Each structure stands twice: as C-alpha cells, then as structure tokens.
Protein backbone atom coordinates (compact mmCIF):
# COMPACT_ATOMS: atom_id res chain seq x y z
CA UNK A 1 14.48 -10.95 -29.50
CA UNK A 2 15.76 -13.88 -27.41
CA UNK A 3 17.23 -11.33 -24.99
CA UNK A 4 13.87 -9.66 -24.52
CA UNK A 5 12.18 -12.88 -23.65
CA UNK A 6 14.69 -13.31 -20.81
CA UNK A 7 13.56 -10.04 -19.08
CA UNK A 8 12.40 -10.79 -15.55
CA UNK A 9 9.90 -8.19 -14.76
CA UNK A 10 10.20 -8.33 -10.99
CA UNK A 11 13.97 -7.54 -11.25
CA UNK A 12 13.49 -4.18 -13.01
CA UNK A 13 13.42 -1.15 -10.90
CA UNK A 14 10.27 1.05 -10.91
CA UNK A 15 11.42 3.35 -13.78
CA UNK A 16 12.51 0.39 -15.90
CA UNK A 17 9.37 -1.52 -15.28
CA UNK A 18 7.07 1.46 -16.31
CA UNK A 19 9.18 1.83 -19.44
CA UNK A 20 8.92 -1.90 -20.00
CA UNK A 21 5.09 -1.55 -19.63
CA UNK A 22 4.93 1.05 -22.30
CA UNK A 23 6.76 -1.29 -24.74
CA UNK A 24 4.51 -4.38 -23.58
CA UNK A 25 1.44 -2.33 -24.19
CA UNK A 26 2.72 -1.27 -27.58
CA UNK A 27 3.23 -4.96 -28.41
CA UNK A 28 -0.09 -5.90 -26.93
CA UNK A 29 1.29 -8.29 -24.36
CA UNK A 30 -1.57 -8.83 -22.01
CA UNK A 31 -0.01 -11.23 -19.43
CA UNK A 32 3.07 -9.12 -19.00
CA UNK A 33 0.86 -6.02 -18.39
CA UNK A 34 -1.14 -7.85 -15.67
CA UNK A 35 2.03 -9.06 -14.06
CA UNK A 36 3.62 -5.68 -14.04
CA UNK A 37 0.59 -3.94 -12.67
CA UNK A 38 0.64 -6.44 -9.78
CA UNK A 39 4.40 -5.86 -9.20
CA UNK A 40 3.79 -2.08 -8.85
CA UNK A 41 1.01 -2.61 -6.55
CA UNK A 42 3.00 -4.93 -4.35
CA UNK A 43 5.75 -2.19 -4.29
CA UNK A 44 3.24 0.16 -2.84
CA UNK A 45 2.22 2.09 -5.89
CA UNK A 46 -1.22 3.74 -5.56
CA UNK A 47 -3.54 2.37 -8.19
CA UNK A 48 -4.07 5.80 -9.77
CA UNK A 49 -0.35 6.18 -10.41
CA UNK A 50 -0.20 2.76 -11.96
CA UNK A 51 -3.09 3.82 -14.18
CA UNK A 52 -1.76 7.19 -15.34
CA UNK A 53 2.02 6.68 -15.42
CA UNK A 54 2.09 3.21 -16.80
CA UNK A 55 -1.05 2.42 -18.69
CA UNK A 56 -2.48 5.80 -19.83
CA UNK A 57 0.92 7.00 -20.77
CA UNK A 58 1.67 3.78 -22.74
CA UNK A 59 -1.61 4.16 -24.58
CA UNK A 60 -0.89 7.78 -25.37
CA UNK A 61 2.22 6.62 -27.19
CA UNK A 62 0.11 3.93 -28.99
CA UNK A 63 -2.40 6.72 -29.89
CA UNK A 64 0.07 8.97 -31.36
CA UNK A 65 1.59 6.21 -33.61
CA UNK A 66 -1.97 5.18 -34.60
CA UNK A 67 -2.81 8.83 -35.61
CA UNK A 68 0.49 9.04 -37.59
CA UNK A 69 -0.12 5.85 -39.47
CA UNK A 70 2.66 3.82 -37.79
CA UNK A 71 0.34 1.50 -36.09
CA UNK A 72 -2.92 0.05 -37.49
CA UNK A 73 -6.26 -0.99 -36.12
CA UNK A 74 -5.24 -4.71 -35.34
CA UNK A 75 -2.19 -3.60 -33.37
CA UNK A 76 -4.17 -0.94 -31.52
CA UNK A 77 -6.80 -3.41 -30.64
CA UNK A 78 -4.15 -5.76 -29.20
CA UNK A 79 -2.75 -2.83 -27.18
CA UNK A 80 -6.09 -1.84 -25.97
CA UNK A 81 -6.91 -5.34 -24.88
CA UNK A 82 -3.67 -5.48 -22.89
CA UNK A 83 -4.70 -2.19 -21.39
CA UNK A 84 -8.09 -3.62 -20.54
CA UNK A 85 -6.41 -6.56 -18.76
CA UNK A 86 -4.34 -4.18 -16.69
CA UNK A 87 -7.47 -2.13 -15.92
CA UNK A 88 -9.24 -5.30 -14.74
CA UNK A 89 -6.74 -5.49 -11.81
CA UNK A 90 -6.96 -1.70 -11.06
CA UNK A 91 -10.77 -1.09 -11.45
CA UNK A 92 -11.96 -2.29 -8.13
CA UNK A 93 -9.02 -0.65 -6.42
CA UNK A 94 -9.68 2.67 -8.09
CA UNK A 95 -13.36 2.42 -7.04
CA UNK A 96 -12.31 1.90 -3.47
CA UNK A 97 -9.88 4.95 -3.46
CA UNK A 98 -12.37 7.15 -5.30
CA UNK A 99 -9.66 8.02 -7.82
CA UNK A 100 -10.48 10.98 -10.19
CA UNK A 101 -11.79 10.17 -13.58
CA UNK A 102 -11.33 12.50 -16.50
CA UNK A 103 -14.95 12.33 -17.36
CA UNK A 104 -17.78 9.99 -18.38
CA UNK A 105 -18.87 8.79 -21.85
CA UNK A 106 -21.87 6.99 -23.31
CA UNK A 107 -21.06 5.54 -26.71
CA UNK A 108 -22.95 3.42 -29.27
CA UNK A 109 -23.40 2.55 -32.93
CA UNK A 110 -26.67 4.05 -34.32
CA UNK A 111 -29.78 2.23 -35.31
CA UNK A 112 -29.49 0.05 -38.42
CA UNK A 113 -25.73 -0.28 -38.08
CA UNK A 114 -24.00 -3.26 -36.70
CA UNK A 115 -20.36 -2.23 -37.10
CA UNK A 116 -18.53 -1.98 -33.91
CA UNK A 117 -14.64 -2.21 -34.43
CA UNK A 118 -14.13 1.46 -34.56
CA UNK A 119 -16.53 2.08 -31.67
CA UNK A 120 -14.79 -0.59 -29.57
CA UNK A 121 -11.50 1.05 -30.25
CA UNK A 122 -12.74 4.46 -29.14
CA UNK A 123 -14.22 2.84 -26.01
CA UNK A 124 -11.07 1.11 -25.13
CA UNK A 125 -8.77 4.13 -25.82
CA UNK A 126 -11.17 6.45 -23.92
CA UNK A 127 -11.02 4.04 -20.92
CA UNK A 128 -7.25 4.02 -21.43
CA UNK A 129 -7.14 7.78 -21.20
CA UNK A 130 -8.91 7.74 -17.87
CA UNK A 131 -12.68 8.07 -18.78
CA UNK A 132 -15.51 6.05 -17.49
CA UNK A 133 -17.12 4.59 -20.63
CA UNK A 134 -20.64 3.10 -21.02
CA UNK A 135 -20.75 1.21 -24.25
CA UNK A 136 -24.35 0.65 -25.61
CA UNK A 137 -23.16 -1.71 -28.40
CA UNK A 138 -24.71 -1.63 -31.90
CA UNK A 139 -27.96 -0.81 -33.57
CA UNK A 140 -29.16 1.78 -31.05
CA UNK A 141 -32.48 3.63 -31.44
CA UNK A 142 -32.79 7.11 -30.04
CA UNK A 143 -34.53 5.65 -26.85
CA UNK A 144 -31.23 3.75 -25.97
CA UNK A 145 -29.22 6.89 -26.09
CA UNK A 146 -31.85 8.90 -24.08
CA UNK A 147 -32.07 6.17 -21.43
CA UNK A 148 -28.34 5.95 -21.10
CA UNK A 149 -28.00 9.81 -20.83
CA UNK A 150 -30.66 9.75 -18.09
CA UNK A 151 -28.98 6.90 -16.17
CA UNK A 152 -25.34 7.78 -16.46
CA UNK A 153 -25.40 11.62 -16.78
CA UNK A 154 -22.27 11.51 -18.99
CA UNK A 155 -20.15 14.44 -19.98
CA UNK A 156 -19.91 13.08 -23.57
CA UNK A 157 -22.19 11.24 -26.00
CA UNK A 158 -20.47 9.40 -28.71
CA UNK A 159 -22.19 8.03 -31.87
CA UNK A 160 -20.73 5.83 -34.60
CA UNK A 161 -21.86 4.79 -38.08
CA UNK A 162 -20.15 2.93 -40.81
CA UNK A 163 -22.95 2.94 -43.44
CA UNK A 164 -24.04 5.97 -45.39
CA UNK A 165 -27.62 4.90 -44.95
CA UNK A 166 -27.25 5.05 -41.09
CA UNK A 167 -25.34 8.30 -40.77
CA UNK A 168 -28.52 10.44 -40.96
CA UNK A 169 -29.86 8.76 -37.72
CA UNK A 170 -27.22 10.71 -35.75
CA UNK A 171 -29.23 13.84 -36.54
CA UNK A 172 -32.37 12.19 -35.30
CA UNK A 173 -30.76 11.56 -31.92
CA UNK A 174 -29.44 15.29 -31.80
CA UNK A 175 -32.72 16.72 -32.87
CA UNK A 176 -34.54 14.65 -30.20
CA UNK A 177 -32.01 15.93 -27.53
CA UNK A 178 -32.83 19.49 -28.73
CA UNK A 179 -36.59 18.89 -28.53
CA UNK A 180 -36.11 17.64 -24.91
CA UNK A 181 -34.05 20.72 -24.04
CA UNK A 182 -30.95 18.66 -23.05
CA UNK A 183 -28.70 19.01 -26.06
CA UNK A 184 -26.53 21.77 -24.63
CA UNK A 185 -25.84 19.74 -21.52
CA UNK A 186 -23.67 17.09 -23.42
CA UNK A 187 -20.70 17.19 -25.63
CA UNK A 188 -21.78 15.12 -28.88
CA UNK A 189 -18.91 13.45 -30.71
CA UNK A 190 -19.55 11.57 -33.94
CA UNK A 191 -17.34 9.26 -35.97
CA UNK A 192 -17.13 6.58 -38.63
CA UNK A 193 -15.62 6.03 -42.00
CA UNK A 194 -18.15 7.78 -44.29
CA UNK A 195 -18.41 10.80 -42.02
CA UNK A 196 -16.49 14.06 -42.37
CA UNK A 197 -16.28 17.42 -40.52
CA UNK A 198 -18.95 19.07 -42.78
CA UNK A 199 -21.41 16.32 -41.90
CA UNK A 200 -20.64 16.66 -38.27
CA UNK A 201 -21.36 20.38 -38.35
CA UNK A 202 -24.48 19.97 -40.45
CA UNK A 203 -26.15 17.55 -37.94
CA UNK A 204 -25.20 19.77 -34.98
CA UNK A 205 -22.54 17.60 -33.42
CA UNK A 206 -19.80 19.27 -31.34
CA UNK A 207 -17.14 17.49 -33.16
CA UNK A 208 -16.37 14.91 -35.79
CA UNK A 209 -13.41 12.47 -34.74
CA UNK A 210 -11.76 10.69 -37.69
CA UNK A 211 -10.32 7.95 -35.50
CA UNK A 212 -9.89 6.79 -31.90
CA UNK A 213 -6.80 8.80 -31.18
CA UNK A 214 -8.51 11.92 -32.33
CA UNK A 215 -11.58 11.11 -30.22
CA UNK A 216 -9.45 10.94 -27.08
CA UNK A 217 -7.75 14.15 -27.85
CA UNK A 218 -11.02 15.95 -28.64
CA UNK A 219 -12.77 14.58 -25.42
CA UNK A 220 -9.78 15.67 -23.26
CA UNK A 221 -9.81 19.19 -24.71
CA UNK A 222 -13.64 19.48 -24.15
CA UNK A 223 -13.16 18.29 -20.57
CA UNK A 224 -10.40 20.65 -19.77
CA UNK A 225 -12.49 23.46 -21.18
CA UNK A 226 -15.43 22.50 -19.07
CA UNK A 227 -13.15 22.42 -15.95
CA UNK A 228 -11.80 25.84 -16.78
CA UNK A 229 -15.32 27.23 -17.20
CA UNK A 230 -16.37 25.66 -13.90
CA UNK A 231 -13.30 27.10 -12.11
CA UNK A 232 -14.01 30.53 -13.60
CA UNK A 233 -17.61 30.39 -12.65
CA UNK A 234 -16.71 29.31 -9.13
C-alpha cells in the first residue's frame, strides 16, 4: 500500500492516469479524482473525453461489481461521491461546450416515504453514466412529479419507495399521467426494496430496476431504442 501512496499523478502518462482514475473511483478517492481531472484538462483533453473515458468508464466498472455483489452500497456511495467531485470541475465546462447528454431524468421518492439512499445512488450513477438528473428528494406528491415533468421535459421519470405502504402511490402518479394523456411521452422506471417485476408491470411502469446498476443499464437501453426509432422515423 505504501507504494501506492507514492504515486505522483502528474508523472503518469495519459493512459496510466486514466487507469489510475478508474482505481481511485473504485476506492472512492475524491481529492485524487479532482486532481486527475484537472491534470487531464491542463493536458488539453476536452471535458467530454474526461467525462466518458475516465469517469463514466470508471463508474461502469463500479456498477458491474455492485451488480455482481462484489461491492456494496457504502463503497458505491463513496465512488459516486468521488465521481460527483470530478463532475463538479467538468459541469461548467461541459455546459460551455454543449457536450451531448445521454438523456434527462427526473427522480424522486414517493409521497409518505422519506428513504433516499437508494434514490441518491441511482441519481449519482445516472449522472455518472452521462444523464442530466433532476432529483426531487423525498416525500413527493403527484403534483411535484407533474411540475418537474412540465419544467424539465425529461426522457425518464424515476420513482422510488422503500415502504410497502407507499408503493401503491406510484400507481397514483402513473394513472394521473394517463389521465393527462402524457404517460406515453415518458419512460417510467420504478425501484425500491419491496418492489418486484410483477408489481412494476401491474402499476403500468416501463420497468422495475432492482438496483442502481440495473437502473443505469435499463435507462441506457431505453435511450438507444428511442434514438434508433427517431433515426428510423427521420
């Protein structure tokens, strides 16, 4: 371990540095990630390449190990926080360059439920995968979702619940969207410990995601399908 502490990030070549960033993300090393992002930018990397090749790719590895039970929620939260710190440097630069986003998501825990660790994890991993995420926080009545949909025009609406008593509220939101004739305009993803695939189908969601890694994979596949349909229609 002592050797690793002696790594001087600025002395690594680009390829080694990107590899080191994947390791540092995996270990949740926030300061090292910020330093490495700045080094790559100083070397003339465009912000979008730093995002995709270093941060998103690093989080993809974290996501796979989370899905496979090698990493657990506390470690993934640390990795996601390190990712967020790196994103803090890149965000204003990405906005300036008009870098492409994979898509947009509105996410929130439903009314009556104040659990947010799972939702926060999904938010961070989705940002890490290149999505723009608007997090509504906890205890959201249907009005909050409708307002956010109206304001942000997202591709995806995500709802989370951790209590069996609050799960049915997801159906209230979906039914209200149907009444307003807007249900088909959005991909609706639901998640939370007590849910399962059958429940997701029964309430009319597009998919149930058992964890943050699955949520990212599911969102990506819906977005690529959407792009393919748009291309075919064009």
